[in-house]
């Protein structure tokens, strides 16, 4: 999959990092420090909350950390995108693919406050859908490939999945995304990697 991305998309917008530790912590600094973007650690970071991929079997994975405007459409135009995608480094046979979108809202009120110009939940789902649609269009993802997706609010400790999707249009409900887009999506801050072929959202 990495090879397909490098052959198809602007290389300077895609930074790949391999990880295979028992815990993989993914953070996005841009709301806190706009000189930094997505970073990956093998332990919980003291300075910033993370999305944690529990990886007891130490499956080696590749993280494509998207730069800004990583998905060009026409000259000067770009598709919406999420923060990153994760997939097993050994891509022989059927593998899982995980898309991650994060927002560092301090509390549920901020995360789910709807204004005319801001609907975090719907915007975040839109970025996941656009990412998957783009990768399918470029034939980086097969049309029948199911994609797992996490919508993460790393600062929230409560179970926010049902609240999140109450603010999203019916077209992008959990059920419709599975049936119509082959996207298995959940609002959560973690996932468990079981093997190169299996991953379970937190």
Protein backbone atom coordinates (compact mmCIF):
# COMPACT_ATOMS: atom_id res chain seq x y z
CA UNK A 1 0.00 0.00 0.00
CA UNK A 2 2.87 2.36 0.79
CA UNK A 3 4.23 1.78 -2.72
CA UNK A 4 0.87 2.66 -4.29
CA UNK A 5 0.72 5.91 -2.30
CA UNK A 6 4.25 6.90 -3.31
CA UNK A 7 3.57 6.11 -6.95
CA UNK A 8 0.29 8.06 -7.02
CA UNK A 9 0.42 11.01 -4.61
CA UNK A 10 2.84 13.91 -3.90
CA UNK A 11 5.67 12.33 -1.91
CA UNK A 12 6.45 15.48 0.07
CA UNK A 13 2.96 15.41 1.63
CA UNK A 14 3.20 11.85 2.96
CA UNK A 15 5.58 10.95 5.79
CA UNK A 16 5.73 7.26 6.66
CA UNK A 17 6.68 5.86 10.02
CA UNK A 18 6.86 2.22 11.05
CA UNK A 19 5.95 1.06 14.55
CA UNK A 20 5.62 -2.31 16.20
CA UNK A 21 5.56 -1.74 19.93
CA UNK A 22 3.00 -3.05 22.42
CA UNK A 23 1.43 0.43 22.44
CA UNK A 24 1.41 2.92 19.59
CA UNK A 25 0.38 6.47 20.53
CA UNK A 26 -0.64 8.85 17.75
CA UNK A 27 -0.99 12.58 18.42
CA UNK A 28 -1.71 15.66 16.34
CA UNK A 29 0.01 18.82 17.57
CA UNK A 30 -1.37 21.32 15.10
CA UNK A 31 -4.06 22.80 17.41
CA UNK A 32 -1.42 23.24 20.13
CA UNK A 33 1.78 23.91 18.16
CA UNK A 34 1.28 24.71 14.48
CA UNK A 35 4.94 24.02 13.71
CA UNK A 36 4.28 20.32 14.38
CA UNK A 37 1.81 17.83 12.96
CA UNK A 38 1.07 14.15 13.49
CA UNK A 39 3.66 12.32 15.59
CA UNK A 40 3.93 8.74 16.81
CA UNK A 41 5.27 7.54 20.18
CA UNK A 42 5.74 4.13 21.79
CA UNK A 43 4.51 5.37 25.17
CA UNK A 44 1.92 7.81 26.45
CA UNK A 45 3.09 11.38 25.96
CA UNK A 46 3.01 13.62 29.05
CA UNK A 47 2.36 16.81 27.07
CA UNK A 48 -0.55 15.75 24.90
CA UNK A 49 -3.29 13.11 24.87
CA UNK A 50 -3.17 10.46 22.17
CA UNK A 51 -5.05 7.86 20.18
CA UNK A 52 -3.67 4.56 21.45
CA UNK A 53 -3.34 1.43 19.34
CA UNK A 54 -2.86 -1.51 21.69
CA UNK A 55 -0.61 -3.97 19.92
CA UNK A 56 0.06 -6.91 22.25
CA UNK A 57 1.26 -9.12 19.38
CA UNK A 58 3.65 -6.39 18.18
CA UNK A 59 2.37 -6.38 14.61
CA UNK A 60 4.56 -4.05 12.55
CA UNK A 61 2.45 -1.25 11.08
CA UNK A 62 3.04 1.74 8.82
CA UNK A 63 1.53 5.15 9.59
CA UNK A 64 1.11 7.61 6.73
CA UNK A 65 1.15 11.01 8.45
CA UNK A 66 -0.56 13.36 6.01
CA UNK A 67 0.84 16.83 5.47
CA UNK A 68 -1.43 19.74 4.64
CA UNK A 69 -3.12 19.45 1.22
CA UNK A 70 -1.98 15.86 0.74
CA UNK A 71 -4.83 14.96 -1.63
CA UNK A 72 -4.75 17.24 -4.70
CA UNK A 73 -7.74 17.22 -7.05
CA UNK A 74 -7.13 20.02 -9.57
CA UNK A 75 -4.55 22.83 -9.66
CA UNK A 76 -4.88 24.74 -6.38
CA UNK A 77 -7.68 22.48 -5.09
CA UNK A 78 -7.50 19.65 -2.58
CA UNK A 79 -9.83 17.03 -1.18
CA UNK A 80 -10.65 16.98 2.52
CA UNK A 81 -8.48 14.59 4.52
CA UNK A 82 -8.12 13.05 7.93
CA UNK A 83 -4.93 13.08 10.04
CA UNK A 84 -3.43 9.76 9.00
CA UNK A 85 -3.98 6.18 7.98
CA UNK A 86 -2.45 3.07 9.54
CA UNK A 87 -2.00 -0.35 7.94
CA UNK A 88 0.14 -3.45 8.47
CA UNK A 89 3.62 -3.14 6.97
CA UNK A 90 3.28 -6.67 5.59
CA UNK A 91 0.56 -6.06 3.02
CA UNK A 92 0.38 -9.51 1.48
CA UNK A 93 -3.21 -10.75 1.21
CA UNK A 94 -6.22 -9.11 2.89
CA UNK A 95 -5.25 -6.49 5.47
CA UNK A 96 -7.03 -3.91 7.59
CA UNK A 97 -6.73 -0.16 7.04
CA UNK A 98 -7.43 2.37 9.80
CA UNK A 99 -8.19 6.07 9.22
CA UNK A 100 -7.88 8.46 12.17
CA UNK A 101 -9.34 11.93 12.64
CA UNK A 102 -8.78 13.86 15.89
CA UNK A 103 -9.96 17.07 17.52
CA UNK A 104 -8.56 18.32 20.81
CA UNK A 105 -11.75 19.72 22.36
CA UNK A 106 -11.40 20.22 26.12
CA UNK A 107 -14.89 18.94 27.01
CA UNK A 108 -18.08 17.51 25.51
CA UNK A 109 -19.76 20.91 25.43
CA UNK A 110 -17.03 22.25 23.14
CA UNK A 111 -16.79 19.04 21.11
CA UNK A 112 -20.51 18.88 20.35
CA UNK A 113 -21.44 22.55 20.27
CA UNK A 114 -23.13 23.22 16.94
CA UNK A 115 -22.86 26.65 15.31
CA UNK A 116 -23.63 27.85 11.79
CA UNK A 117 -19.97 27.62 10.87
CA UNK A 118 -18.97 24.65 13.01
CA UNK A 119 -20.19 21.10 13.52
CA UNK A 120 -17.16 19.13 14.69
CA UNK A 121 -18.79 15.68 14.53
CA UNK A 122 -20.09 16.04 10.98
CA UNK A 123 -16.88 17.72 9.75
CA UNK A 124 -14.78 14.91 11.19
CA UNK A 125 -16.89 12.20 9.57
CA UNK A 126 -16.76 14.14 6.31
CA UNK A 127 -12.95 14.14 6.43
CA UNK A 128 -12.88 10.36 6.93
CA UNK A 129 -15.34 9.77 4.07
CA UNK A 130 -13.42 12.10 1.74
CA UNK A 131 -10.14 10.37 2.55
CA UNK A 132 -11.54 6.92 1.81
CA UNK A 133 -13.34 8.08 -1.36
CA UNK A 134 -10.14 9.71 -2.64
CA UNK A 135 -7.98 6.64 -1.98
CA UNK A 136 -10.54 4.45 -3.75
CA UNK A 137 -10.70 6.82 -6.71
CA UNK A 138 -6.89 6.68 -7.00
CA UNK A 139 -7.05 2.85 -6.75
CA UNK A 140 -4.87 2.85 -3.65
CA UNK A 141 -7.79 1.16 -1.88
CA UNK A 142 -9.81 -1.54 -3.60
CA UNK A 143 -13.54 -0.86 -3.98
CA UNK A 144 -14.43 -3.83 -1.78
CA UNK A 145 -11.85 -3.03 0.93
CA UNK A 146 -13.48 -2.33 4.29
CA UNK A 147 -11.85 0.56 6.11
CA UNK A 148 -11.91 1.03 9.87
CA UNK A 149 -12.10 4.61 11.14
CA UNK A 150 -11.71 6.36 14.47
CA UNK A 151 -13.20 9.74 15.27
CA UNK A 152 -11.19 10.77 18.32
CA UNK A 153 -11.48 13.45 20.96
CA UNK A 154 -8.31 12.53 22.91
CA UNK A 155 -9.08 14.86 25.83
CA UNK A 156 -12.49 13.28 26.51
CA UNK A 157 -12.59 10.30 28.87
CA UNK A 158 -16.32 9.64 28.58
CA UNK A 159 -17.92 7.25 26.06
CA UNK A 160 -18.87 9.75 23.36
CA UNK A 161 -19.70 7.46 20.42
CA UNK A 162 -23.51 7.72 20.58
CA UNK A 163 -23.39 11.46 21.32
CA UNK A 164 -21.06 12.02 18.37
CA UNK A 165 -23.33 10.36 15.81
CA UNK A 166 -26.46 12.13 17.07
CA UNK A 167 -25.00 15.27 15.42
CA UNK A 168 -24.24 13.62 12.07
CA UNK A 169 -26.66 13.48 9.14
CA UNK A 170 -28.43 10.17 8.52
CA UNK A 171 -26.48 9.59 5.30
CA UNK A 172 -23.36 9.16 7.47
CA UNK A 173 -24.85 7.07 10.25
CA UNK A 174 -22.74 4.14 11.44
CA UNK A 175 -25.02 1.69 9.63
CA UNK A 176 -25.12 3.62 6.34
CA UNK A 177 -21.35 4.06 6.25
CA UNK A 178 -20.87 0.30 6.61
CA UNK A 179 -23.39 -0.53 3.87
CA UNK A 180 -22.78 2.30 1.40
CA UNK A 181 -19.12 3.21 1.96
CA UNK A 182 -17.65 0.04 3.52
CA UNK A 183 -16.38 2.15 6.43
CA UNK A 184 -16.60 0.74 9.97
CA UNK A 185 -16.47 3.89 12.09
CA UNK A 186 -16.53 4.59 15.82
CA UNK A 187 -16.09 7.55 18.10
CA UNK A 188 -13.33 6.41 20.47
CA UNK A 189 -9.73 7.02 21.46
CA UNK A 190 -8.25 3.57 20.98
CA UNK A 191 -8.14 0.35 18.99
CA UNK A 192 -6.67 -3.11 19.49
CA UNK A 193 -4.49 -4.60 16.77
CA UNK A 194 -5.00 -8.36 16.77
CA UNK A 195 -3.10 -9.38 13.63
CA UNK A 196 -2.33 -8.20 10.09
CA UNK A 197 -5.88 -9.19 9.20
CA UNK A 198 -7.83 -8.05 12.29
CA UNK A 199 -8.25 -4.86 14.28
CA UNK A 200 -10.92 -3.98 16.85
CA UNK A 201 -12.02 -0.40 17.53
CA UNK A 202 -12.06 0.63 21.20
